[in-house]
Full PDB file with SEQRES, HELIX, SHEET, SSBOND, CRYST1, ORIGX, SCALE, CONECT and MASTER records, all heavy atoms in Angstrom:
SEQRES   1 A   36  HIS LEU LEU ILE ASN GLY GLY PHE ASP LEU ILE TYR LEU          
SEQRES   2 A   36  ASP ILE HIS LEU PRO ASP ILE ASN GLY LEU ASP VAL LEU          
SEQRES   3 A   36  LYS GLU ILE HIS GLN ARG GLN PRO ASP VAL                      
HELIX    1 AA1 LEU A    2  ASN A    5  1                                   4    
HELIX    2 AA2 GLY A   22  ARG A   32  1                                  11    
CRYST1    1.000    1.000    1.000  90.00  90.00  90.00 P 1           1          
ORIGX1      1.000000  0.000000  0.000000        0.00000                         
ORIGX2      0.000000  1.000000  0.000000        0.00000                         
ORIGX3      0.000000  0.000000  1.000000        0.00000                         
SCALE1      1.000000  0.000000  0.000000        0.00000                         
SCALE2      0.000000  1.000000  0.000000        0.00000                         
SCALE3      0.000000  0.000000  1.000000        0.00000                         
ATOM      1  N   HIS A   1      10.008  22.294 145.889  1.00  0.00           N  
ATOM      2  CA  HIS A   1       9.760  23.672 145.462  1.00  0.00           C  
ATOM      3  C   HIS A   1       8.429  24.187 146.047  1.00  0.00           C  
ATOM      4  O   HIS A   1       8.351  25.322 146.521  1.00  0.00           O  
ATOM      5  CB  HIS A   1       9.749  23.771 143.936  1.00  0.00           C  
ATOM      6  CG  HIS A   1       9.428  25.141 143.439  1.00  0.00           C  
ATOM      7  ND1 HIS A   1      10.332  26.182 143.518  1.00  0.00           N  
ATOM      8  CD2 HIS A   1       8.300  25.657 142.895  1.00  0.00           C  
ATOM      9  CE1 HIS A   1       9.775  27.276 143.037  1.00  0.00           C  
ATOM     10  NE2 HIS A   1       8.540  26.989 142.650  1.00  0.00           N  
ATOM     11  N   LEU A   2       7.401  23.355 146.009  1.00  0.00           N  
ATOM     12  CA  LEU A   2       6.102  23.744 146.557  1.00  0.00           C  
ATOM     13  C   LEU A   2       6.164  23.957 148.066  1.00  0.00           C  
ATOM     14  O   LEU A   2       5.416  24.766 148.626  1.00  0.00           O  
ATOM     15  CB  LEU A   2       5.044  22.684 146.228  1.00  0.00           C  
ATOM     16  CG  LEU A   2       4.621  22.603 144.770  1.00  0.00           C  
ATOM     17  CD1 LEU A   2       3.796  21.340 144.521  1.00  0.00           C  
ATOM     18  CD2 LEU A   2       3.831  23.845 144.370  1.00  0.00           C  
ATOM     19  N   LEU A   3       7.052  23.245 148.708  1.00  0.00           N  
ATOM     20  CA  LEU A   3       7.198  23.350 150.161  1.00  0.00           C  
ATOM     21  C   LEU A   3       7.695  24.734 150.579  1.00  0.00           C  
ATOM     22  O   LEU A   3       7.412  25.187 151.685  1.00  0.00           O  
ATOM     23  CB  LEU A   3       8.189  22.277 150.641  1.00  0.00           C  
ATOM     24  CG  LEU A   3       7.964  21.682 152.003  1.00  0.00           C  
ATOM     25  CD1 LEU A   3       6.592  21.041 152.077  1.00  0.00           C  
ATOM     26  CD2 LEU A   3       9.030  20.665 152.319  1.00  0.00           C  
ATOM     27  N   ILE A   4       8.412  25.405 149.687  1.00  0.00           N  
ATOM     28  CA  ILE A   4       8.932  26.745 149.982  1.00  0.00           C  
ATOM     29  C   ILE A   4       7.785  27.720 150.229  1.00  0.00           C  
ATOM     30  O   ILE A   4       7.820  28.515 151.158  1.00  0.00           O  
ATOM     31  CB  ILE A   4       9.823  27.256 148.823  1.00  0.00           C  
ATOM     32  CG1 ILE A   4      11.077  26.400 148.719  1.00  0.00           C  
ATOM     33  CG2 ILE A   4      10.179  28.721 149.022  1.00  0.00           C  
ATOM     34  CD1 ILE A   4      11.880  26.642 147.459  1.00  0.00           C  
ATOM     35  N   ASN A   5       6.747  27.640 149.407  1.00  0.00           N  
ATOM     36  CA  ASN A   5       5.638  28.599 149.472  1.00  0.00           C  
ATOM     37  C   ASN A   5       4.459  28.138 150.308  1.00  0.00           C  
ATOM     38  O   ASN A   5       3.727  28.957 150.834  1.00  0.00           O  
ATOM     39  CB  ASN A   5       5.142  28.927 148.059  1.00  0.00           C  
ATOM     40  CG  ASN A   5       6.231  29.536 147.213  1.00  0.00           C  
ATOM     41  OD1 ASN A   5       7.036  30.303 147.705  1.00  0.00           O  
ATOM     42  ND2 ASN A   5       6.262  29.185 145.950  1.00  0.00           N  
ATOM     43  N   GLY A   6       4.252  26.835 150.376  1.00  0.00           N  
ATOM     44  CA  GLY A   6       3.024  26.354 150.999  1.00  0.00           C  
ATOM     45  C   GLY A   6       3.239  25.752 152.363  1.00  0.00           C  
ATOM     46  O   GLY A   6       4.207  25.049 152.603  1.00  0.00           O  
ATOM     47  N   GLY A   7       2.308  26.051 153.253  1.00  0.00           N  
ATOM     48  CA  GLY A   7       2.279  25.392 154.548  1.00  0.00           C  
ATOM     49  C   GLY A   7       1.259  24.273 154.464  1.00  0.00           C  
ATOM     50  O   GLY A   7       0.068  24.532 154.372  1.00  0.00           O  
ATOM     51  N   PHE A   8       1.712  23.049 154.442  1.00  0.00           N  
ATOM     52  CA  PHE A   8       0.807  21.914 154.289  1.00  0.00           C  
ATOM     53  C   PHE A   8       0.513  21.286 155.645  1.00  0.00           C  
ATOM     54  O   PHE A   8       1.368  21.235 156.521  1.00  0.00           O  
ATOM     55  CB  PHE A   8       1.414  20.876 153.337  1.00  0.00           C  
ATOM     56  CG  PHE A   8       1.602  21.405 151.936  1.00  0.00           C  
ATOM     57  CD1 PHE A   8       2.840  21.820 151.491  1.00  0.00           C  
ATOM     58  CD2 PHE A   8       0.516  21.517 151.081  1.00  0.00           C  
ATOM     59  CE1 PHE A   8       3.004  22.329 150.209  1.00  0.00           C  
ATOM     60  CE2 PHE A   8       0.661  22.021 149.804  1.00  0.00           C  
ATOM     61  CZ  PHE A   8       1.916  22.432 149.365  1.00  0.00           C  
ATOM     62  N   ASP A   9      -0.719  20.799 155.779  1.00  0.00           N  
ATOM     63  CA  ASP A   9      -1.123  20.090 156.993  1.00  0.00           C  
ATOM     64  C   ASP A   9      -0.778  18.610 156.909  1.00  0.00           C  
ATOM     65  O   ASP A   9      -0.707  17.937 157.927  1.00  0.00           O  
ATOM     66  CB  ASP A   9      -2.632  20.242 157.209  1.00  0.00           C  
ATOM     67  CG  ASP A   9      -3.038  21.688 157.399  1.00  0.00           C  
ATOM     68  OD1 ASP A   9      -2.409  22.370 158.238  1.00  0.00           O  
ATOM     69  OD2 ASP A   9      -3.956  22.151 156.704  1.00  0.00           O  
ATOM     70  N   LEU A  10      -0.568  18.131 155.683  1.00  0.00           N  
ATOM     71  CA  LEU A  10      -0.281  16.704 155.472  1.00  0.00           C  
ATOM     72  C   LEU A  10       0.343  16.540 154.092  1.00  0.00           C  
ATOM     73  O   LEU A  10      -0.062  17.208 153.142  1.00  0.00           O  
ATOM     74  CB  LEU A  10      -1.587  15.895 155.570  1.00  0.00           C  
ATOM     75  CG  LEU A  10      -1.537  14.413 155.227  1.00  0.00           C  
ATOM     76  CD1 LEU A  10      -0.581  13.638 156.134  1.00  0.00           C  
ATOM     77  CD2 LEU A  10      -2.945  13.808 155.303  1.00  0.00           C  
ATOM     78  N   ILE A  11       1.316  15.624 154.008  1.00  0.00           N  
ATOM     79  CA  ILE A  11       1.928  15.304 152.722  1.00  0.00           C  
ATOM     80  C   ILE A  11       1.857  13.802 152.503  1.00  0.00           C  
ATOM     81  O   ILE A  11       2.257  13.014 153.371  1.00  0.00           O  
ATOM     82  CB  ILE A  11       3.403  15.767 152.669  1.00  0.00           C  
ATOM     83  CG1 ILE A  11       3.479  17.288 152.825  1.00  0.00           C  
ATOM     84  CG2 ILE A  11       4.066  15.319 151.363  1.00  0.00           C  
ATOM     85  CD1 ILE A  11       4.899  17.833 152.950  1.00  0.00           C  
ATOM     86  N   TYR A  12       1.319  13.410 151.339  1.00  0.00           N  
ATOM     87  CA  TYR A  12       1.374  12.016 150.883  1.00  0.00           C  
ATOM     88  C   TYR A  12       2.512  11.946 149.880  1.00  0.00           C  
ATOM     89  O   TYR A  12       2.544  12.708 148.912  1.00  0.00           O  
ATOM     90  CB  TYR A  12       0.057  11.606 150.220  1.00  0.00           C  
ATOM     91  CG  TYR A  12      -1.034  11.294 151.210  1.00  0.00           C  
ATOM     92  CD1 TYR A  12      -2.021  12.225 151.500  1.00  0.00           C  
ATOM     93  CD2 TYR A  12      -1.075  10.066 151.860  1.00  0.00           C  
ATOM     94  CE1 TYR A  12      -3.029  11.944 152.411  1.00  0.00           C  
ATOM     95  CE2 TYR A  12      -2.077   9.779 152.773  1.00  0.00           C  
ATOM     96  CZ  TYR A  12      -3.044  10.718 153.042  1.00  0.00           C  
ATOM     97  OH  TYR A  12      -4.029  10.439 153.947  1.00  0.00           O  
ATOM     98  N   LEU A  13       3.443  11.037 150.088  1.00  0.00           N  
ATOM     99  CA  LEU A  13       4.673  10.996 149.305  1.00  0.00           C  
ATOM    100  C   LEU A  13       4.959   9.582 148.816  1.00  0.00           C  
ATOM    101  O   LEU A  13       5.073   8.647 149.612  1.00  0.00           O  
ATOM    102  CB  LEU A  13       5.831  11.492 150.182  1.00  0.00           C  
ATOM    103  CG  LEU A  13       7.241  11.442 149.648  1.00  0.00           C  
ATOM    104  CD1 LEU A  13       7.390  12.335 148.416  1.00  0.00           C  
ATOM    105  CD2 LEU A  13       8.224  11.868 150.741  1.00  0.00           C  
ATOM    106  N   ASP A  14       5.082   9.445 147.489  1.00  0.00           N  
ATOM    107  CA  ASP A  14       5.450   8.162 146.887  1.00  0.00           C  
ATOM    108  C   ASP A  14       6.940   7.923 147.134  1.00  0.00           C  
ATOM    109  O   ASP A  14       7.746   8.848 147.052  1.00  0.00           O  
ATOM    110  CB  ASP A  14       5.157   8.198 145.383  1.00  0.00           C  
ATOM    111  CG  ASP A  14       5.350   6.842 144.713  1.00  0.00           C  
ATOM    112  OD1 ASP A  14       5.488   5.820 145.423  1.00  0.00           O  
ATOM    113  OD2 ASP A  14       5.368   6.814 143.474  1.00  0.00           O  
ATOM    114  N   ILE A  15       7.301   6.694 147.439  1.00  0.00           N  
ATOM    115  CA  ILE A  15       8.714   6.373 147.668  1.00  0.00           C  
ATOM    116  C   ILE A  15       9.500   6.383 146.359  1.00  0.00           C  
ATOM    117  O   ILE A  15      10.616   6.882 146.294  1.00  0.00           O  
ATOM    118  CB  ILE A  15       8.866   5.013 148.371  1.00  0.00           C  
ATOM    119  CG1 ILE A  15       8.387   5.132 149.813  1.00  0.00           C  
ATOM    120  CG2 ILE A  15      10.317   4.558 148.343  1.00  0.00           C  
ATOM    121  CD1 ILE A  15       8.485   3.855 150.605  1.00  0.00           C  
ATOM    122  N   HIS A  16       8.909   5.846 145.298  1.00  0.00           N  
ATOM    123  CA  HIS A  16       9.620   5.703 144.023  1.00  0.00           C  
ATOM    124  C   HIS A  16       9.250   6.850 143.086  1.00  0.00           C  
ATOM    125  O   HIS A  16       8.257   6.791 142.377  1.00  0.00           O  
ATOM    126  CB  HIS A  16       9.306   4.348 143.397  1.00  0.00           C  
ATOM    127  CG  HIS A  16       9.716   3.207 144.272  1.00  0.00           C  
ATOM    128  ND1 HIS A  16      11.021   2.860 144.463  1.00  0.00           N  
ATOM    129  CD2 HIS A  16       8.979   2.365 145.038  1.00  0.00           C  
ATOM    130  CE1 HIS A  16      11.088   1.834 145.292  1.00  0.00           C  
ATOM    131  NE2 HIS A  16       9.855   1.519 145.667  1.00  0.00           N  
ATOM    132  N   LEU A  17      10.079   7.874 143.077  1.00  0.00           N  
ATOM    133  CA  LEU A  17       9.882   9.029 142.213  1.00  0.00           C  
ATOM    134  C   LEU A  17      10.975   9.032 141.136  1.00  0.00           C  
ATOM    135  O   LEU A  17      12.054   8.479 141.352  1.00  0.00           O  
ATOM    136  CB  LEU A  17       9.935  10.320 143.033  1.00  0.00           C  
ATOM    137  CG  LEU A  17       8.818  10.476 144.073  1.00  0.00           C  
ATOM    138  CD1 LEU A  17       9.100  11.648 145.003  1.00  0.00           C  
ATOM    139  CD2 LEU A  17       7.471  10.658 143.385  1.00  0.00           C  
ATOM    140  N   PRO A  18      10.728   9.664 140.002  1.00  0.00           N  
ATOM    141  CA  PRO A  18      11.690   9.589 138.905  1.00  0.00           C  
ATOM    142  C   PRO A  18      12.999  10.345 139.147  1.00  0.00           C  
ATOM    143  O   PRO A  18      14.030   9.972 138.604  1.00  0.00           O  
ATOM    144  CB  PRO A  18      10.934  10.206 137.728  1.00  0.00           C  
ATOM    145  CG  PRO A  18       9.878  11.058 138.348  1.00  0.00           C  
ATOM    146  CD  PRO A  18       9.527  10.398 139.641  1.00  0.00           C  
ATOM    147  N   ASP A  19      12.966  11.376 139.957  1.00  0.00           N  
ATOM    148  CA  ASP A  19      14.168  12.196 140.123  1.00  0.00           C  
ATOM    149  C   ASP A  19      14.876  11.976 141.454  1.00  0.00           C  
ATOM    150  O   ASP A  19      16.075  11.785 141.511  1.00  0.00           O  
ATOM    151  CB  ASP A  19      13.825  13.672 139.929  1.00  0.00           C  
ATOM    152  CG  ASP A  19      12.754  14.165 140.891  1.00  0.00           C  
ATOM    153  OD1 ASP A  19      12.085  13.335 141.542  1.00  0.00           O  
ATOM    154  OD2 ASP A  19      12.580  15.398 140.995  1.00  0.00           O  
ATOM    155  N   ILE A  20      14.146  12.037 142.539  1.00  0.00           N  
ATOM    156  CA  ILE A  20      14.725  11.902 143.882  1.00  0.00           C  
ATOM    157  C   ILE A  20      13.960  10.801 144.606  1.00  0.00           C  
ATOM    158  O   ILE A  20      12.737  10.751 144.553  1.00  0.00           O  
ATOM    159  CB  ILE A  20      14.581  13.215 144.689  1.00  0.00           C  
ATOM    160  CG1 ILE A  20      15.150  14.407 143.919  1.00  0.00           C  
ATOM    161  CG2 ILE A  20      15.265  13.098 146.049  1.00  0.00           C  
ATOM    162  CD1 ILE A  20      14.847  15.760 144.559  1.00  0.00           C  
ATOM    163  N   ASN A  21      14.661   9.955 145.304  1.00  0.00           N  
ATOM    164  CA  ASN A  21      14.024   8.902 146.087  1.00  0.00           C  
ATOM    165  C   ASN A  21      13.132   9.552 147.146  1.00  0.00           C  
ATOM    166  O   ASN A  21      13.509  10.552 147.766  1.00  0.00           O  
ATOM    167  CB  ASN A  21      15.107   8.033 146.747  1.00  0.00           C  
ATOM    168  CG  ASN A  21      14.512   6.905 147.556  1.00  0.00           C  
ATOM    169  OD1 ASN A  21      13.923   7.135 148.610  1.00  0.00           O  
ATOM    170  ND2 ASN A  21      14.660   5.706 147.065  1.00  0.00           N  
ATOM    171  N   GLY A  22      11.945   8.968 147.334  1.00  0.00           N  
ATOM    172  CA  GLY A  22      10.996   9.520 148.303  1.00  0.00           C  
ATOM    173  C   GLY A  22      11.548   9.626 149.708  1.00  0.00           C  
ATOM    174  O   GLY A  22      11.211  10.549 150.452  1.00  0.00           O  
ATOM    175  N   LEU A  23      12.428   8.697 150.088  1.00  0.00           N  
ATOM    176  CA  LEU A  23      13.023   8.761 151.421  1.00  0.00           C  
ATOM    177  C   LEU A  23      13.943   9.987 151.550  1.00  0.00           C  
ATOM    178  O   LEU A  23      14.000  10.616 152.605  1.00  0.00           O  
ATOM    179  CB  LEU A  23      13.781   7.473 151.739  1.00  0.00           C  
ATOM    180  CG  LEU A  23      12.906   6.212 151.839  1.00  0.00           C  
ATOM    181  CD1 LEU A  23      13.771   4.972 152.042  1.00  0.00           C  
ATOM    182  CD2 LEU A  23      11.871   6.334 152.948  1.00  0.00           C  
ATOM    183  N   ASP A  24      14.635  10.329 150.466  1.00  0.00           N  
ATOM    184  CA  ASP A  24      15.468  11.539 150.476  1.00  0.00           C  
ATOM    185  C   ASP A  24      14.608  12.797 150.529  1.00  0.00           C  
ATOM    186  O   ASP A  24      14.957  13.775 151.192  1.00  0.00           O  
ATOM    187  CB  ASP A  24      16.393  11.564 149.254  1.00  0.00           C  
ATOM    188  CG  ASP A  24      17.445  10.469 149.304  1.00  0.00           C  
ATOM    189  OD1 ASP A  24      17.827  10.059 150.432  1.00  0.00           O  
ATOM    190  OD2 ASP A  24      17.876  10.009 148.225  1.00  0.00           O  
ATOM    191  N   VAL A  25      13.490  12.769 149.824  1.00  0.00           N  
ATOM    192  CA  VAL A  25      12.552  13.891 149.882  1.00  0.00           C  
ATOM    193  C   VAL A  25      12.008  14.029 151.305  1.00  0.00           C  
ATOM    194  O   VAL A  25      11.894  15.138 151.833  1.00  0.00           O  
ATOM    195  CB  VAL A  25      11.397  13.710 148.867  1.00  0.00           C  
ATOM    196  CG1 VAL A  25      10.362  14.823 149.008  1.00  0.00           C  
ATOM    197  CG2 VAL A  25      11.933  13.652 147.444  1.00  0.00           C  
ATOM    198  N   LEU A  26      11.701  12.902 151.944  1.00  0.00           N  
ATOM    199  CA  LEU A  26      11.210  12.910 153.324  1.00  0.00           C  
ATOM    200  C   LEU A  26      12.221  13.573 154.257  1.00  0.00           C  
ATOM    201  O   LEU A  26      11.855  14.397 155.102  1.00  0.00           O  
ATOM    202  CB  LEU A  26      10.909  11.480 153.787  1.00  0.00           C  
ATOM    203  CG  LEU A  26      10.480  11.298 155.241  1.00  0.00           C  
ATOM    204  CD1 LEU A  26       9.178  12.029 155.528  1.00  0.00           C  
ATOM    205  CD2 LEU A  26      10.340   9.815 155.558  1.00  0.00           C  
ATOM    206  N   LYS A  27      13.496  13.231 154.106  1.00  0.00           N  
ATOM    207  CA  LYS A  27      14.546  13.860 154.933  1.00  0.00           C  
ATOM    208  C   LYS A  27      14.534  15.366 154.756  1.00  0.00           C  
ATOM    209  O   LYS A  27      14.606  16.124 155.731  1.00  0.00           O  
ATOM    210  CB  LYS A  27      15.932  13.320 154.533  1.00  0.00           C  
ATOM    211  CG  LYS A  27      16.242  11.931 154.977  1.00  0.00           C  
ATOM    212  CD  LYS A  27      17.657  11.587 154.512  1.00  0.00           C  
ATOM    213  CE  LYS A  27      17.845  10.099 154.394  1.00  0.00           C  
ATOM    214  NZ  LYS A  27      19.157   9.743 153.822  1.00  0.00           N  
ATOM    215  N   GLU A  28      14.453  15.801 153.510  1.00  0.00           N  
ATOM    216  CA  GLU A  28      14.478  17.231 153.207  1.00  0.00           C  
ATOM    217  C   GLU A  28      13.237  17.930 153.764  1.00  0.00           C  
ATOM    218  O   GLU A  28      13.330  19.035 154.297  1.00  0.00           O  
ATOM    219  CB  GLU A  28      14.586  17.445 151.699  1.00  0.00           C  
ATOM    220  CG  GLU A  28      14.781  18.875 151.286  1.00  0.00           C  
ATOM    221  CD  GLU A  28      16.096  19.482 151.742  1.00  0.00           C  
ATOM    222  OE1 GLU A  28      17.095  18.745 151.885  1.00  0.00           O  
ATOM    223  OE2 GLU A  28      16.119  20.705 151.967  1.00  0.00           O  
ATOM    224  N   ILE A  29      12.089  17.290 153.645  1.00  0.00           N  
ATOM    225  CA  ILE A  29      10.849  17.870 154.197  1.00  0.00           C  
ATOM    226  C   ILE A  29      11.002  18.095 155.695  1.00  0.00           C  
ATOM    227  O   ILE A  29      10.677  19.167 156.209  1.00  0.00           O  
ATOM    228  CB  ILE A  29       9.633  16.957 153.908  1.00  0.00           C  
ATOM    229  CG1 ILE A  29       9.280  16.985 152.428  1.00  0.00           C  
ATOM    230  CG2 ILE A  29       8.434  17.365 154.763  1.00  0.00           C  
ATOM    231  CD1 ILE A  29       8.260  15.932 152.009  1.00  0.00           C  
ATOM    232  N   HIS A  30      11.516  17.097 156.400  1.00  0.00           N  
ATOM    233  CA  HIS A  30      11.633  17.224 157.859  1.00  0.00           C  
ATOM    234  C   HIS A  30      12.726  18.192 158.282  1.00  0.00           C  
ATOM    235  O   HIS A  30      12.664  18.727 159.393  1.00  0.00           O  
ATOM    236  CB  HIS A  30      11.800  15.854 158.509  1.00  0.00           C  
ATOM    237  CG  HIS A  30      10.495  15.126 158.632  1.00  0.00           C  
ATOM    238  ND1 HIS A  30       9.439  15.610 159.360  1.00  0.00           N  
ATOM    239  CD2 HIS A  30      10.060  13.971 158.093  1.00  0.00           C  
ATOM    240  CE1 HIS A  30       8.415  14.783 159.267  1.00  0.00           C  
ATOM    241  NE2 HIS A  30       8.762  13.787 158.501  1.00  0.00           N  
ATOM    242  N   GLN A  31      13.693  18.450 157.418  1.00  0.00           N  
ATOM    243  CA  GLN A  31      14.666  19.490 157.733  1.00  0.00           C  
ATOM    244  C   GLN A  31      14.032  20.869 157.599  1.00  0.00           C  
ATOM    245  O   GLN A  31      14.309  21.764 158.390  1.00  0.00           O  
ATOM    246  CB  GLN A  31      15.887  19.381 156.817  1.00  0.00           C  
ATOM    247  CG  GLN A  31      16.798  18.224 157.177  1.00  0.00           C  
ATOM    248  CD  GLN A  31      17.977  18.096 156.220  1.00  0.00           C  
ATOM    249  OE1 GLN A  31      18.095  18.839 155.256  1.00  0.00           O  
ATOM    250  NE2 GLN A  31      18.841  17.138 156.495  1.00  0.00           N  
ATOM    251  N   ARG A  32      13.183  21.027 156.604  1.00  0.00           N  
ATOM    252  CA  ARG A  32      12.550  22.328 156.352  1.00  0.00           C  
ATOM    253  C   ARG A  32      11.346  22.578 157.257  1.00  0.00           C  
ATOM    254  O   ARG A  32      11.141  23.691 157.732  1.00  0.00           O  
ATOM    255  CB  ARG A  32      12.099  22.426 154.898  1.00  0.00           C  
ATOM    256  CG  ARG A  32      13.244  22.430 153.915  1.00  0.00           C  
ATOM    257  CD  ARG A  32      12.706  22.574 152.515  1.00  0.00           C  
ATOM    258  NE  ARG A  32      13.743  22.420 151.512  1.00  0.00           N  
ATOM    259  CZ  ARG A  32      13.549  22.638 150.233  1.00  0.00           C  
ATOM    260  NH1 ARG A  32      12.364  23.016 149.779  1.00  0.00           N  
ATOM    261  NH2 ARG A  32      14.536  22.479 149.378  1.00  0.00           N  
ATOM    262  N   GLN A  33      10.514  21.564 157.408  1.00  0.00           N  
ATOM    263  CA  GLN A  33       9.285  21.709 158.194  1.00  0.00           C  
ATOM    264  C   GLN A  33       9.086  20.454 159.048  1.00  0.00           C  
ATOM    265  O   GLN A  33       8.320  19.559 158.693  1.00  0.00           O  
ATOM    266  CB  GLN A  33       8.084  21.914 157.271  1.00  0.00           C  
ATOM    267  CG  GLN A  33       8.146  23.200 156.489  1.00  0.00           C  
ATOM    268  CD  GLN A  33       6.908  23.420 155.635  1.00  0.00           C  
ATOM    269  OE1 GLN A  33       5.888  22.755 155.777  1.00  0.00           O  
ATOM    270  NE2 GLN A  33       6.994  24.377 154.733  1.00  0.00           N  
ATOM    271  N   PRO A  34       9.769  20.404 160.180  1.00  0.00           N  
ATOM    272  CA  PRO A  34       9.751  19.179 160.986  1.00  0.00           C  
ATOM    273  C   PRO A  34       8.389  18.785 161.549  1.00  0.00           C  
ATOM    274  O   PRO A  34       8.181  17.631 161.900  1.00  0.00           O  
ATOM    275  CB  PRO A  34      10.747  19.479 162.113  1.00  0.00           C  
ATOM    276  CG  PRO A  34      10.910  20.953 162.117  1.00  0.00           C  
ATOM    277  CD  PRO A  34      10.601  21.450 160.751  1.00  0.00           C  
ATOM    278  N   ASP A  35       7.443  19.722 161.618  1.00  0.00           N  
ATOM    279  CA  ASP A  35       6.151  19.412 162.226  1.00  0.00           C  
ATOM    280  C   ASP A  35       5.110  18.881 161.249  1.00  0.00           C  
ATOM    281  O   ASP A  35       4.050  18.430 161.668  1.00  0.00           O  
ATOM    282  CB  ASP A  35       5.592  20.647 162.931  1.00  0.00           C  
ATOM    283  CG  ASP A  35       6.477  21.087 164.081  1.00  0.00           C  
ATOM    284  OD1 ASP A  35       7.090  20.223 164.727  1.00  0.00           O  
ATOM    285  OD2 ASP A  35       6.568  22.310 164.320  1.00  0.00           O  
ATOM    286  N   VAL A  36       5.386  18.948 159.947  1.00  0.00           N  
ATOM    287  CA  VAL A  36       4.373  18.503 158.980  1.00  0.00           C  
ATOM    288  C   VAL A  36       4.361  16.967 158.919  1.00  0.00           C  
ATOM    289  O   VAL A  36       5.396  16.338 158.782  1.00  0.00           O  
ATOM    290  CB  VAL A  36       4.602  19.138 157.586  1.00  0.00           C  
ATOM    291  CG1 VAL A  36       5.872  18.654 156.938  1.00  0.00           C  
ATOM    292  CG2 VAL A  36       3.427  18.871 156.674  1.00  0.00           C  
TER     293      VAL A  36                                                      
MASTER        0    0    0    2    0    0    0    6  292    1    0    3          
END                                                                             
């Protein structure tokens, strides 16, 4: 949700999250903003 509004220069992402696996979040991040 934050990725929709914010342009980040770097993201630190935990692999083990309570709702979505971090690797799945990583896939989604790179689909939305491949350069981050």
